[in-house]
């Protein structure tokens, strides 16, 4: 099984959300369609801008915790290393 740590936003350099899942397509779909109440629904966070894949849940959980403690500008730099245009990666994970 694979595990994913992902970052979503509502716009370029907007509000950031970091999460973990074992089914990235399903989880992003839930965010995009506001299927769960909470932070992402409140702030209209629907754009997947970064994700990382892990073989072990322990490693994914550790990475999620690490990223959540990073300074905002470090998170922005991480996103922009591979996605400088802040494109929605939804199509990428669905293909």
C-alpha atoms as a PDB file:
ATOM      1  CA  UNK A   1       0.000   0.000   0.000  1.00  0.00           C
ATOM      2  CA  UNK A   2       1.129   3.529  -0.722  1.00  0.00           C
ATOM      3  CA  UNK A   3       0.626   6.558   1.503  1.00  0.00           C
ATOM      4  CA  UNK A   4       0.533  10.158   0.385  1.00  0.00           C
ATOM      5  CA  UNK A   5       1.352  13.425   2.091  1.00  0.00           C
ATOM      6  CA  UNK A   6      -0.231  16.238   0.144  1.00  0.00           C
ATOM      7  CA  UNK A   7      -0.589  20.001   0.124  1.00  0.00           C
ATOM      8  CA  UNK A   8      -3.697  21.756  -1.110  1.00  0.00           C
ATOM      9  CA  UNK A   9      -4.573  25.426  -1.421  1.00  0.00           C
ATOM     10  CA  UNK A  10      -7.387  27.728  -2.470  1.00  0.00           C
ATOM     11  CA  UNK A  11      -5.180  29.872  -4.766  1.00  0.00           C
ATOM     12  CA  UNK A  12      -1.515  30.514  -5.558  1.00  0.00           C
ATOM     13  CA  UNK A  13       0.262  31.312  -2.311  1.00  0.00           C
ATOM     14  CA  UNK A  14      -3.098  31.152  -0.532  1.00  0.00           C
ATOM     15  CA  UNK A  15      -4.197  29.186   2.504  1.00  0.00           C
ATOM     16  CA  UNK A  16      -2.329  25.876   2.745  1.00  0.00           C
ATOM     17  CA  UNK A  17      -3.594  22.524   3.993  1.00  0.00           C
ATOM     18  CA  UNK A  18      -1.350  19.528   4.609  1.00  0.00           C
ATOM     19  CA  UNK A  19      -2.851  16.061   4.856  1.00  0.00           C
ATOM     20  CA  UNK A  20      -2.128  12.349   4.664  1.00  0.00           C
ATOM     21  CA  UNK A  21      -4.086   9.571   2.950  1.00  0.00           C
ATOM     22  CA  UNK A  22      -3.764   6.108   1.465  1.00  0.00           C
ATOM     23  CA  UNK A  23      -6.006   7.072  -1.479  1.00  0.00           C
ATOM     24  CA  UNK A  24      -5.015  10.417  -2.949  1.00  0.00           C
ATOM     25  CA  UNK A  25      -7.619  10.470  -5.729  1.00  0.00           C
ATOM     26  CA  UNK A  26     -10.486   9.802  -3.330  1.00  0.00           C
ATOM     27  CA  UNK A  27      -9.231  12.304  -0.758  1.00  0.00           C
ATOM     28  CA  UNK A  28      -8.714  15.147  -3.253  1.00  0.00           C
ATOM     29  CA  UNK A  29     -12.140  14.408  -4.724  1.00  0.00           C
ATOM     30  CA  UNK A  30     -13.617  14.789  -1.222  1.00  0.00           C
ATOM     31  CA  UNK A  31     -11.890  18.156  -0.794  1.00  0.00           C
ATOM     32  CA  UNK A  32     -12.926  19.396  -4.237  1.00  0.00           C
ATOM     33  CA  UNK A  33     -16.554  18.473  -3.652  1.00  0.00           C
ATOM     34  CA  UNK A  34     -16.684  19.703  -0.035  1.00  0.00           C
ATOM     35  CA  UNK A  35     -17.819  16.289   1.209  1.00  0.00           C
ATOM     36  CA  UNK A  36     -16.426  16.789   4.713  1.00  0.00           C
ATOM     37  CA  UNK A  37     -16.918  19.700   7.048  1.00  0.00           C
ATOM     38  CA  UNK A  38     -13.899  21.484   8.422  1.00  0.00           C
ATOM     39  CA  UNK A  39     -10.942  23.623   7.498  1.00  0.00           C
ATOM     40  CA  UNK A  40     -10.778  22.793   3.780  1.00  0.00           C
ATOM     41  CA  UNK A  41     -14.490  23.356   3.256  1.00  0.00           C
ATOM     42  CA  UNK A  42     -14.431  26.619   5.216  1.00  0.00           C
ATOM     43  CA  UNK A  43     -11.525  28.042   3.207  1.00  0.00           C
ATOM     44  CA  UNK A  44     -12.545  26.524  -0.179  1.00  0.00           C
ATOM     45  CA  UNK A  45      -9.292  24.554  -0.455  1.00  0.00           C
ATOM     46  CA  UNK A  46      -9.651  22.567  -3.671  1.00  0.00           C
ATOM     47  CA  UNK A  47      -6.326  22.762  -5.546  1.00  0.00           C
ATOM     48  CA  UNK A  48      -3.751  19.976  -5.118  1.00  0.00           C
ATOM     49  CA  UNK A  49      -0.328  21.589  -5.519  1.00  0.00           C
ATOM     50  CA  UNK A  50       2.106  19.059  -4.045  1.00  0.00           C
ATOM     51  CA  UNK A  51       2.218  15.422  -3.013  1.00  0.00           C
ATOM     52  CA  UNK A  52       4.785  12.860  -1.943  1.00  0.00           C
ATOM     53  CA  UNK A  53       4.501   9.060  -1.980  1.00  0.00           C
ATOM     54  CA  UNK A  54       5.626   6.749   0.836  1.00  0.00           C
ATOM     55  CA  UNK A  55       5.745   2.976   1.200  1.00  0.00           C
ATOM     56  CA  UNK A  56       5.327   3.040   4.982  1.00  0.00           C
ATOM     57  CA  UNK A  57       2.663   4.861   6.952  1.00  0.00           C
ATOM     58  CA  UNK A  58       5.162   5.727   9.683  1.00  0.00           C
ATOM     59  CA  UNK A  59       7.315   7.654   7.196  1.00  0.00           C
ATOM     60  CA  UNK A  60       4.288   9.477   5.796  1.00  0.00           C
ATOM     61  CA  UNK A  61       3.066  10.444   9.267  1.00  0.00           C
ATOM     62  CA  UNK A  62       6.513  11.752  10.180  1.00  0.00           C
ATOM     63  CA  UNK A  63       6.729  13.793   6.970  1.00  0.00           C
ATOM     64  CA  UNK A  64       3.257  15.264   7.554  1.00  0.00           C
ATOM     65  CA  UNK A  65       4.230  16.324  11.083  1.00  0.00           C
ATOM     66  CA  UNK A  66       7.487  17.796   9.828  1.00  0.00           C
ATOM     67  CA  UNK A  67       5.803  19.816   7.073  1.00  0.00           C
ATOM     68  CA  UNK A  68       3.131  21.112   9.444  1.00  0.00           C
ATOM     69  CA  UNK A  69       5.880  22.558  11.636  1.00  0.00           C
ATOM     70  CA  UNK A  70       7.739  24.217   8.772  1.00  0.00           C
ATOM     71  CA  UNK A  71       7.622  27.968   8.279  1.00  0.00           C
ATOM     72  CA  UNK A  72       5.200  29.104   5.599  1.00  0.00           C
ATOM     73  CA  UNK A  73       7.943  30.301   3.250  1.00  0.00           C
ATOM     74  CA  UNK A  74       9.618  26.858   3.421  1.00  0.00           C
ATOM     75  CA  UNK A  75       6.309  25.236   2.381  1.00  0.00           C
ATOM     76  CA  UNK A  76       5.948  27.694  -0.498  1.00  0.00           C
ATOM     77  CA  UNK A  77       9.501  26.967  -1.628  1.00  0.00           C
ATOM     78  CA  UNK A  78       8.801  23.211  -1.535  1.00  0.00           C
ATOM     79  CA  UNK A  79       5.705  23.630  -3.710  1.00  0.00           C
ATOM     80  CA  UNK A  80       7.450  25.922  -6.180  1.00  0.00           C
ATOM     81  CA  UNK A  81      10.428  23.564  -6.649  1.00  0.00           C
ATOM     82  CA  UNK A  82       8.248  21.149  -8.634  1.00  0.00           C
ATOM     83  CA  UNK A  83       5.161  23.236  -9.327  1.00  0.00           C
ATOM     84  CA  UNK A  84       6.229  26.860  -9.851  1.00  0.00           C
ATOM     85  CA  UNK A  85       2.891  27.799 -11.470  1.00  0.00           C
ATOM     86  CA  UNK A  86       0.844  26.332  -8.586  1.00  0.00           C
ATOM     87  CA  UNK A  87      -1.086  24.223 -11.106  1.00  0.00           C
ATOM     88  CA  UNK A  88      -3.787  21.896  -9.830  1.00  0.00           C
ATOM     89  CA  UNK A  89      -2.290  18.394  -9.984  1.00  0.00           C
ATOM     90  CA  UNK A  90      -5.724  16.745 -10.040  1.00  0.00           C
ATOM     91  CA  UNK A  91      -5.419  15.798 -13.728  1.00  0.00           C
ATOM     92  CA  UNK A  92      -1.964  14.367 -13.087  1.00  0.00           C
ATOM     93  CA  UNK A  93      -3.118  11.964 -10.386  1.00  0.00           C
ATOM     94  CA  UNK A  94      -6.220  10.933 -12.333  1.00  0.00           C
ATOM     95  CA  UNK A  95      -4.374   9.920 -15.502  1.00  0.00           C
END
